C-alpha atoms as a PDB file:
ATOM      1  CA  MET A   1      -9.805   3.168 -22.845  1.00  0.00           C
ATOM      2  CA  GLU A   2     -12.735   5.304 -21.708  1.00  0.00           C
ATOM      3  CA  MET A   3     -12.949   5.775 -17.955  1.00  0.00           C
ATOM      4  CA  ASP A   4     -16.234   6.426 -16.168  1.00  0.00           C
ATOM      5  CA  VAL A   5     -14.804   9.487 -14.418  1.00  0.00           C
ATOM      6  CA  ARG A   6     -17.998  10.222 -12.471  1.00  0.00           C
ATOM      7  CA  ALA A   7     -18.072   6.723 -10.964  1.00  0.00           C
ATOM      8  CA  LEU A   8     -14.346   6.917 -10.307  1.00  0.00           C
ATOM      9  CA  ASN A   9     -14.611  10.257  -8.497  1.00  0.00           C
ATOM     10  CA  ALA A  10     -17.433   8.886  -6.350  1.00  0.00           C
ATOM     11  CA  LEU A  11     -15.555   5.756  -5.316  1.00  0.00           C
ATOM     12  CA  ILE A  12     -11.927   6.831  -4.950  1.00  0.00           C
ATOM     13  CA  PRO A  13     -12.453   8.891  -1.738  1.00  0.00           C
ATOM     14  CA  VAL A  14     -14.069   5.888   0.002  1.00  0.00           C
ATOM     15  CA  PHE A  15     -11.503   3.552  -1.487  1.00  0.00           C
ATOM     16  CA  ASP A  16      -8.558   5.699  -0.425  1.00  0.00           C
ATOM     17  CA  PHE A  17      -9.956   6.204   3.080  1.00  0.00           C
ATOM     18  CA  VAL A  18      -9.831   2.451   3.705  1.00  0.00           C
ATOM     19  CA  GLY A  19      -6.276   2.334   2.380  1.00  0.00           C
ATOM     20  CA  ILE A  20      -5.168   5.317   4.451  1.00  0.00           C
ATOM     21  CA  VAL A  21      -6.546   3.759   7.653  1.00  0.00           C
ATOM     22  CA  ALA A  22      -4.897   0.421   6.832  1.00  0.00           C
ATOM     23  CA  PHE A  23      -1.510   1.969   6.060  1.00  0.00           C
ATOM     24  CA  ALA A  24      -1.725   4.272   9.105  1.00  0.00           C
ATOM     25  CA  LEU A  25      -2.357   1.215  11.282  1.00  0.00           C
ATOM     26  CA  SER A  26       0.628  -0.587   9.770  1.00  0.00           C
ATOM     27  CA  GLY A  27       2.752   2.468  10.539  1.00  0.00           C
ATOM     28  CA  VAL A  28       1.428   2.552  14.103  1.00  0.00           C
ATOM     29  CA  PHE A  29       2.199  -1.153  14.624  1.00  0.00           C
ATOM     30  CA  GLU A  30       5.779  -0.736  13.444  1.00  0.00           C
ATOM     31  CA  GLY A  31       6.327   2.583  15.238  1.00  0.00           C
ATOM     32  CA  ILE A  32       5.207   1.333  18.649  1.00  0.00           C
ATOM     33  CA  LYS A  33       7.098  -1.927  18.190  1.00  0.00           C
ATOM     34  CA  ARG A  34      10.265   0.143  17.727  1.00  0.00           C
ATOM     35  CA  ARG A  35       9.344   2.162  20.863  1.00  0.00           C
ATOM     36  CA  ILE A  36       9.445   5.602  19.245  1.00  0.00           C
ATOM     37  CA  ASP A  37       7.714   8.587  20.853  1.00  0.00           C
ATOM     38  CA  PRO A  38       4.176   9.798  19.955  1.00  0.00           C
ATOM     39  CA  VAL A  39       5.442  12.409  17.489  1.00  0.00           C
ATOM     40  CA  GLY A  40       7.506   9.734  15.793  1.00  0.00           C
ATOM     41  CA  VAL A  41       4.484   7.412  15.618  1.00  0.00           C
ATOM     42  CA  PHE A  42       2.481  10.151  13.885  1.00  0.00           C
ATOM     43  CA  ILE A  43       5.292  10.866  11.414  1.00  0.00           C
ATOM     44  CA  VAL A  44       5.620   7.184  10.562  1.00  0.00           C
ATOM     45  CA  ALA A  45       1.851   6.676  10.277  1.00  0.00           C
ATOM     46  CA  PHE A  46       1.395   9.840   8.196  1.00  0.00           C
ATOM     47  CA  SER A  47       4.243   9.036   5.797  1.00  0.00           C
ATOM     48  CA  THR A  48       3.001   5.466   5.387  1.00  0.00           C
ATOM     49  CA  ALA A  49      -0.571   6.575   4.728  1.00  0.00           C
ATOM     50  CA  PHE A  50       0.122   9.534   2.442  1.00  0.00           C
ATOM     51  CA  GLY A  51       3.645   9.076   1.049  1.00  0.00           C
ATOM     52  CA  GLY A  52       2.620   7.070  -1.995  1.00  0.00           C
ATOM     53  CA  GLY A  53      -0.345   9.337  -2.740  1.00  0.00           C
ATOM     54  CA  MET A  54       1.816  12.466  -2.611  1.00  0.00           C
ATOM     55  CA  LEU A  55       4.325  11.023  -5.076  1.00  0.00           C
ATOM     56  CA  ARG A  56       1.439   9.922  -7.319  1.00  0.00           C
ATOM     57  CA  ASP A  57      -0.011  13.440  -7.287  1.00  0.00           C
ATOM     58  CA  ILE A  58       3.383  14.869  -8.209  1.00  0.00           C
ATOM     59  CA  LEU A  59       3.809  12.441 -11.110  1.00  0.00           C
ATOM     60  CA  ILE A  60       0.376  13.093 -12.633  1.00  0.00           C
ATOM     61  CA  ASP A  61       0.450  16.809 -11.725  1.00  0.00           C
ATOM     62  CA  ARG A  62      -2.599  16.597  -9.493  1.00  0.00           C
ATOM     63  CA  ARG A  63      -3.274  19.584  -7.237  1.00  0.00           C
ATOM     64  CA  PRO A  64      -3.986  20.150  -4.442  1.00  0.00           C
ATOM     65  CA  PHE A  65      -2.354  17.082  -2.921  1.00  0.00           C
ATOM     66  CA  TYR A  66      -4.906  14.472  -1.913  1.00  0.00           C
ATOM     67  CA  TRP A  67      -4.342  14.811   1.837  1.00  0.00           C
ATOM     68  CA  ILE A  68      -4.710  18.603   1.621  1.00  0.00           C
ATOM     69  CA  ASP A  69      -7.973  18.286  -0.282  1.00  0.00           C
ATOM     70  CA  HIS A  70      -9.305  15.686   2.186  1.00  0.00           C
ATOM     71  CA  GLU A  71      -8.398  17.014   5.613  1.00  0.00           C
ATOM     72  CA  ALA A  72     -10.662  14.471   7.305  1.00  0.00           C
ATOM     73  CA  TYR A  73      -8.161  11.754   6.360  1.00  0.00           C
ATOM     74  CA  VAL A  74      -5.411  13.577   8.247  1.00  0.00           C
ATOM     75  CA  VAL A  75      -7.725  13.890  11.255  1.00  0.00           C
ATOM     76  CA  ALA A  76      -8.458  10.151  11.058  1.00  0.00           C
ATOM     77  CA  THR A  77      -4.718   9.403  11.000  1.00  0.00           C
ATOM     78  CA  PHE A  78      -4.221  11.680  14.025  1.00  0.00           C
ATOM     79  CA  ILE A  79      -7.002   9.886  15.934  1.00  0.00           C
ATOM     80  CA  ILE A  80      -5.480   6.492  15.098  1.00  0.00           C
ATOM     81  CA  CYS A  81      -2.130   7.715  16.457  1.00  0.00           C
ATOM     82  CA  MET A  82      -3.757   9.028  19.651  1.00  0.00           C
ATOM     83  CA  ALA A  83      -5.350   5.634  20.167  1.00  0.00           C
ATOM     84  CA  ALA A  84      -2.183   3.792  19.133  1.00  0.00           C
ATOM     85  CA  PRO A  85      -1.278   2.304  22.560  1.00  0.00           C
ATOM     86  CA  PHE A  86      -4.785   0.882  23.019  1.00  0.00           C
ATOM     87  CA  ILE A  87      -4.877  -0.448  19.436  1.00  0.00           C
ATOM     88  CA  TYR A  88      -1.504  -2.122  19.858  1.00  0.00           C
ATOM     89  CA  LYS A  89      -2.408  -3.676  23.216  1.00  0.00           C
ATOM     90  CA  PHE A  90      -5.670  -4.994  21.784  1.00  0.00           C
ATOM     91  CA  PHE A  91      -3.920  -6.735  18.889  1.00  0.00           C
ATOM     92  CA  GLN A  92      -1.085  -7.959  21.127  1.00  0.00           C
ATOM     93  CA  LYS A  93      -3.613  -9.841  23.246  1.00  0.00           C
ATOM     94  CA  THR A  94      -4.599 -11.853  20.180  1.00  0.00           C
ATOM     95  CA  LYS A  95      -0.955 -13.033  19.847  1.00  0.00           C
ATOM     96  CA  HIS A  96      -1.205 -12.281  16.145  1.00  0.00           C
ATOM     97  CA  ALA A  97      -0.079  -8.645  16.070  1.00  0.00           C
ATOM     98  CA  HIS A  98       2.389  -9.277  13.241  1.00  0.00           C
ATOM     99  CA  ASP A  99      -0.295 -11.015  11.192  1.00  0.00           C
ATOM    100  CA  TRP A 100      -2.566  -7.993  11.592  1.00  0.00           C
ATOM    101  CA  TYR A 101       0.295  -5.728  10.513  1.00  0.00           C
ATOM    102  CA  ILE A 102       0.864  -7.828   7.375  1.00  0.00           C
ATOM    103  CA  PHE A 103      -2.871  -7.850   6.631  1.00  0.00           C
ATOM    104  CA  ALA A 104      -3.232  -4.066   7.078  1.00  0.00           C
ATOM    105  CA  ASP A 105      -0.189  -3.542   4.863  1.00  0.00           C
ATOM    106  CA  GLY A 106      -1.690  -5.861   2.216  1.00  0.00           C
ATOM    107  CA  ILE A 107      -4.963  -3.926   2.220  1.00  0.00           C
ATOM    108  CA  GLY A 108      -3.100  -0.642   1.812  1.00  0.00           C
ATOM    109  CA  LEU A 109      -1.012  -2.092  -1.018  1.00  0.00           C
ATOM    110  CA  GLY A 110      -4.084  -3.311  -2.893  1.00  0.00           C
ATOM    111  CA  ILE A 111      -6.071  -0.127  -2.531  1.00  0.00           C
ATOM    112  CA  PHE A 112      -3.317   2.320  -3.403  1.00  0.00           C
ATOM    113  CA  CYS A 113      -2.010   0.322  -6.359  1.00  0.00           C
ATOM    114  CA  ILE A 114      -5.479   0.278  -7.889  1.00  0.00           C
ATOM    115  CA  SER A 115      -6.385   3.885  -7.030  1.00  0.00           C
ATOM    116  CA  GLY A 116      -3.032   5.110  -8.347  1.00  0.00           C
ATOM    117  CA  THR A 117      -3.552   3.252 -11.604  1.00  0.00           C
ATOM    118  CA  SER A 118      -7.150   4.500 -11.872  1.00  0.00           C
ATOM    119  CA  LEU A 119      -6.302   8.159 -11.364  1.00  0.00           C
ATOM    120  CA  SER A 120      -3.389   7.906 -13.789  1.00  0.00           C
ATOM    121  CA  LEU A 121      -5.589   6.368 -16.483  1.00  0.00           C
ATOM    122  CA  ALA A 122      -8.214   9.066 -15.895  1.00  0.00           C
ATOM    123  CA  ALA A 123      -5.476  11.691 -16.367  1.00  0.00           C
ATOM    124  CA  GLY A 124      -4.662  10.247 -19.787  1.00  0.00           C
ATOM    125  CA  VAL A 125      -1.466   8.419 -18.789  1.00  0.00           C
ATOM    126  CA  PRO A 126      -0.637   5.340 -20.968  1.00  0.00           C
ATOM    127  CA  TRP A 127      -1.172   1.845 -19.601  1.00  0.00           C
ATOM    128  CA  LEU A 128       2.373   0.900 -18.625  1.00  0.00           C
ATOM    129  CA  SER A 129       3.097   4.261 -17.014  1.00  0.00           C
ATOM    130  CA  SER A 130      -0.226   4.065 -15.143  1.00  0.00           C
ATOM    131  CA  VAL A 131       0.694   0.627 -13.794  1.00  0.00           C
ATOM    132  CA  ILE A 132       4.115   1.875 -12.681  1.00  0.00           C
ATOM    133  CA  ILE A 133       2.541   4.908 -10.982  1.00  0.00           C
ATOM    134  CA  GLY A 134       0.026   2.580  -9.322  1.00  0.00           C
ATOM    135  CA  CYS A 135       2.825   0.392  -7.976  1.00  0.00           C
ATOM    136  CA  ILE A 136       4.722   3.448  -6.746  1.00  0.00           C
ATOM    137  CA  THR A 137       1.568   4.649  -4.980  1.00  0.00           C
ATOM    138  CA  GLY A 138       1.219   1.273  -3.292  1.00  0.00           C
ATOM    139  CA  VAL A 139       4.797   0.726  -2.142  1.00  0.00           C
ATOM    140  CA  PHE A 140       6.281   4.179  -1.532  1.00  0.00           C
ATOM    141  CA  GLY A 141       4.509   4.786   1.801  1.00  0.00           C
ATOM    142  CA  GLY A 142       5.861   1.519   3.209  1.00  0.00           C
ATOM    143  CA  LEU A 143       9.313   2.343   1.875  1.00  0.00           C
ATOM    144  CA  MET A 144       9.208   5.694   3.693  1.00  0.00           C
ATOM    145  CA  ARG A 145       8.020   3.961   6.879  1.00  0.00           C
ATOM    146  CA  ASP A 146      10.959   1.546   6.844  1.00  0.00           C
ATOM    147  CA  CYS A 147      13.458   4.316   6.089  1.00  0.00           C
ATOM    148  CA  PHE A 148      12.173   6.426   8.994  1.00  0.00           C
ATOM    149  CA  LEU A 149      12.541   3.385  11.257  1.00  0.00           C
ATOM    150  CA  ASN A 150      16.124   2.862  10.049  1.00  0.00           C
ATOM    151  CA  GLN A 151      15.521  -0.578   8.582  1.00  0.00           C
ATOM    152  CA  MET A 152      16.014  -2.038   5.125  1.00  0.00           C
ATOM    153  CA  PRO A 153      12.760  -1.461   3.175  1.00  0.00           C
ATOM    154  CA  ALA A 154      10.856  -4.734   2.991  1.00  0.00           C
ATOM    155  CA  VAL A 155       9.902  -4.014  -0.615  1.00  0.00           C
ATOM    156  CA  VAL A 156      13.526  -4.563  -1.687  1.00  0.00           C
ATOM    157  CA  ALA A 157      14.798  -6.899   1.025  1.00  0.00           C
ATOM    158  CA  ASP A 158      12.482  -9.712   2.111  1.00  0.00           C
ATOM    159  CA  ARG A 159      12.287 -11.334  -1.370  1.00  0.00           C
ATOM    160  CA  GLN A 160       8.588 -12.087  -0.922  1.00  0.00           C
ATOM    161  CA  PRO A 161       6.492 -10.780  -3.842  1.00  0.00           C
ATOM    162  CA  TYR A 162       5.266  -7.300  -2.921  1.00  0.00           C
ATOM    163  CA  ALA A 163       5.709  -4.756  -5.693  1.00  0.00           C
ATOM    164  CA  VAL A 164       5.392  -7.671  -8.138  1.00  0.00           C
ATOM    165  CA  VAL A 165       1.981  -8.460  -6.662  1.00  0.00           C
ATOM    166  CA  GLY A 166       0.907  -4.851  -7.188  1.00  0.00           C
ATOM    167  CA  PHE A 167       2.254  -4.878 -10.747  1.00  0.00           C
ATOM    168  CA  ILE A 168       0.284  -8.016 -11.645  1.00  0.00           C
ATOM    169  CA  GLY A 169      -2.838  -6.694  -9.921  1.00  0.00           C
ATOM    170  CA  CYS A 170      -2.727  -3.375 -11.778  1.00  0.00           C
ATOM    171  CA  TRP A 171      -2.634  -5.198 -15.102  1.00  0.00           C
ATOM    172  CA  PHE A 172      -5.510  -7.375 -13.910  1.00  0.00           C
ATOM    173  CA  TYR A 173      -7.481  -4.201 -13.206  1.00  0.00           C
ATOM    174  CA  ILE A 174      -6.760  -2.808 -16.675  1.00  0.00           C
ATOM    175  CA  MET A 175      -7.831  -6.121 -18.209  1.00  0.00           C
ATOM    176  CA  LEU A 176     -11.171  -5.887 -16.369  1.00  0.00           C
ATOM    177  CA  LEU A 177     -11.716  -2.366 -17.700  1.00  0.00           C
ATOM    178  CA  GLU A 178     -10.922  -3.555 -21.227  1.00  0.00           C
ATOM    179  CA  LEU A 179     -13.514  -6.305 -20.773  1.00  0.00           C
ATOM    180  CA  LYS A 180     -16.055  -3.527 -20.030  1.00  0.00           C
ATOM    181  CA  VAL A 181     -16.424  -4.431 -16.368  1.00  0.00           C
ATOM    182  CA  PRO A 182     -17.944  -1.418 -14.533  1.00  0.00           C
ATOM    183  CA  VAL A 183     -15.360   0.790 -12.824  1.00  0.00           C
ATOM    184  CA  ASP A 184     -16.721   0.177  -9.320  1.00  0.00           C
ATOM    185  CA  ALA A 185     -16.631  -3.608  -9.739  1.00  0.00           C
ATOM    186  CA  ALA A 186     -13.167  -3.464 -11.345  1.00  0.00           C
ATOM    187  CA  LEU A 187     -11.811  -1.335  -8.476  1.00  0.00           C
ATOM    188  CA  TRP A 188     -12.965  -3.768  -5.820  1.00  0.00           C
ATOM    189  CA  ALA A 189     -11.941  -6.833  -7.816  1.00  0.00           C
ATOM    190  CA  GLY A 190      -8.451  -5.417  -8.395  1.00  0.00           C
ATOM    191  CA  PHE A 191      -8.058  -4.524  -4.718  1.00  0.00           C
ATOM    192  CA  ILE A 192      -9.218  -7.965  -3.533  1.00  0.00           C
ATOM    193  CA  PHE A 193      -6.971  -9.682  -6.095  1.00  0.00           C
ATOM    194  CA  ILE A 194      -3.834  -7.837  -4.918  1.00  0.00           C
ATOM    195  CA  THR A 195      -4.596  -8.245  -1.203  1.00  0.00           C
ATOM    196  CA  ALA A 196      -5.417 -11.950  -1.568  1.00  0.00           C
ATOM    197  CA  LEU A 197      -2.312 -12.613  -3.682  1.00  0.00           C
ATOM    198  CA  ARG A 198      -0.094 -10.767  -1.189  1.00  0.00           C
ATOM    199  CA  MET A 199      -1.519 -12.760   1.723  1.00  0.00           C
ATOM    200  CA  ALA A 200      -1.042 -15.993  -0.258  1.00  0.00           C
ATOM    201  CA  CYS A 201       2.610 -15.078  -0.812  1.00  0.00           C
ATOM    202  CA  VAL A 202       3.051 -14.581   2.933  1.00  0.00           C
ATOM    203  CA  SER A 203       1.077 -17.676   3.942  1.00  0.00           C
ATOM    204  CA  PHE A 204       2.827 -20.039   1.527  1.00  0.00           C
ATOM    205  CA  LYS A 205       6.222 -18.304   1.931  1.00  0.00           C
ATOM    206  CA  TRP A 206       6.673 -17.742  -1.794  1.00  0.00           C
ATOM    207  CA  LYS A 207      10.022 -16.140  -2.581  1.00  0.00           C
ATOM    208  CA  ILE A 208      11.562 -14.336  -5.529  1.00  0.00           C
ATOM    209  CA  SER A 209      14.878 -16.009  -6.295  1.00  0.00           C
ATOM    210  CA  TYR A 210      17.210 -15.216  -9.164  1.00  0.00           C
ATOM    211  CA  PHE A 211      20.562 -16.212  -7.632  1.00  0.00           C
ATOM    212  CA  LEU A 212      22.570 -19.206  -8.728  1.00  0.00           C
ATOM    213  CA  LYS A 213      22.448 -22.191  -6.413  1.00  0.00           C
ATOM    214  CA  GLU A 214      25.937 -21.566  -5.019  1.00  0.00           C
ATOM    215  CA  ASP A 215      25.019 -17.923  -4.320  1.00  0.00           C
ATOM    216  CA  GLN A 216      21.945 -19.058  -2.390  1.00  0.00           C
ATOM    217  CA  GLU A 217      24.062 -21.435  -0.284  1.00  0.00           C
ATOM    218  CA  LYS A 218      26.580 -18.651   0.434  1.00  0.00           C
ATOM    219  CA  THR A 219      23.761 -16.283   1.454  1.00  0.00           C
ATOM    220  CA  ALA A 220      22.343 -18.938   3.816  1.00  0.00           C
ATOM    221  CA  GLN A 221      25.785 -19.457   5.364  1.00  0.00           C
ATOM    222  CA  ASP A 222      26.278 -15.724   5.846  1.00  0.00           C
ATOM    223  CA  LYS A 223      23.028 -15.551   7.782  1.00  0.00           C
END
């Protein structure tokens, strides 16, 4: 697969900025909801926004780390954290704060899964490994957020398709590239596909279930 590296390099910074803002907001929502202090809110927002990208850069040996090379993104995260109380109050007034959190998290998932896959492919990583790195990029920030907040990571606990959505979406993106769809169009299509599929999973309450029927009944009783 030949990647249009010039087009990729032009789009990824814009693409990642949207994802970083979305993931930072999701971190802010969760941090304030748990009533942690301002430093804690920044740590949670920063780890959510940049955690997956840092692990991606380690895996594909990319230096300097993305957040070091794009200091403006760190400044944007800091500004979001400073405005966190006002942002949270604004969304609370809509009575749909949790929905906005889920939506922001879905946007971050879509963007980082696709950008992680793109950068891995451009670095010469094989398809399957690129997809796995893309999924790691998309889910690792949220996993760090949940660990910092001392709660079971949603990616392994809520049984709603999350990493699976990213995995499917990354393959969809590769398929578009194989069909000679321009990189910019493939990036946006892959991102929209993952975000829309994630929101559909939440809206229709789709679950991943692999337990036997009696195990499901026992789990329901335990709850």
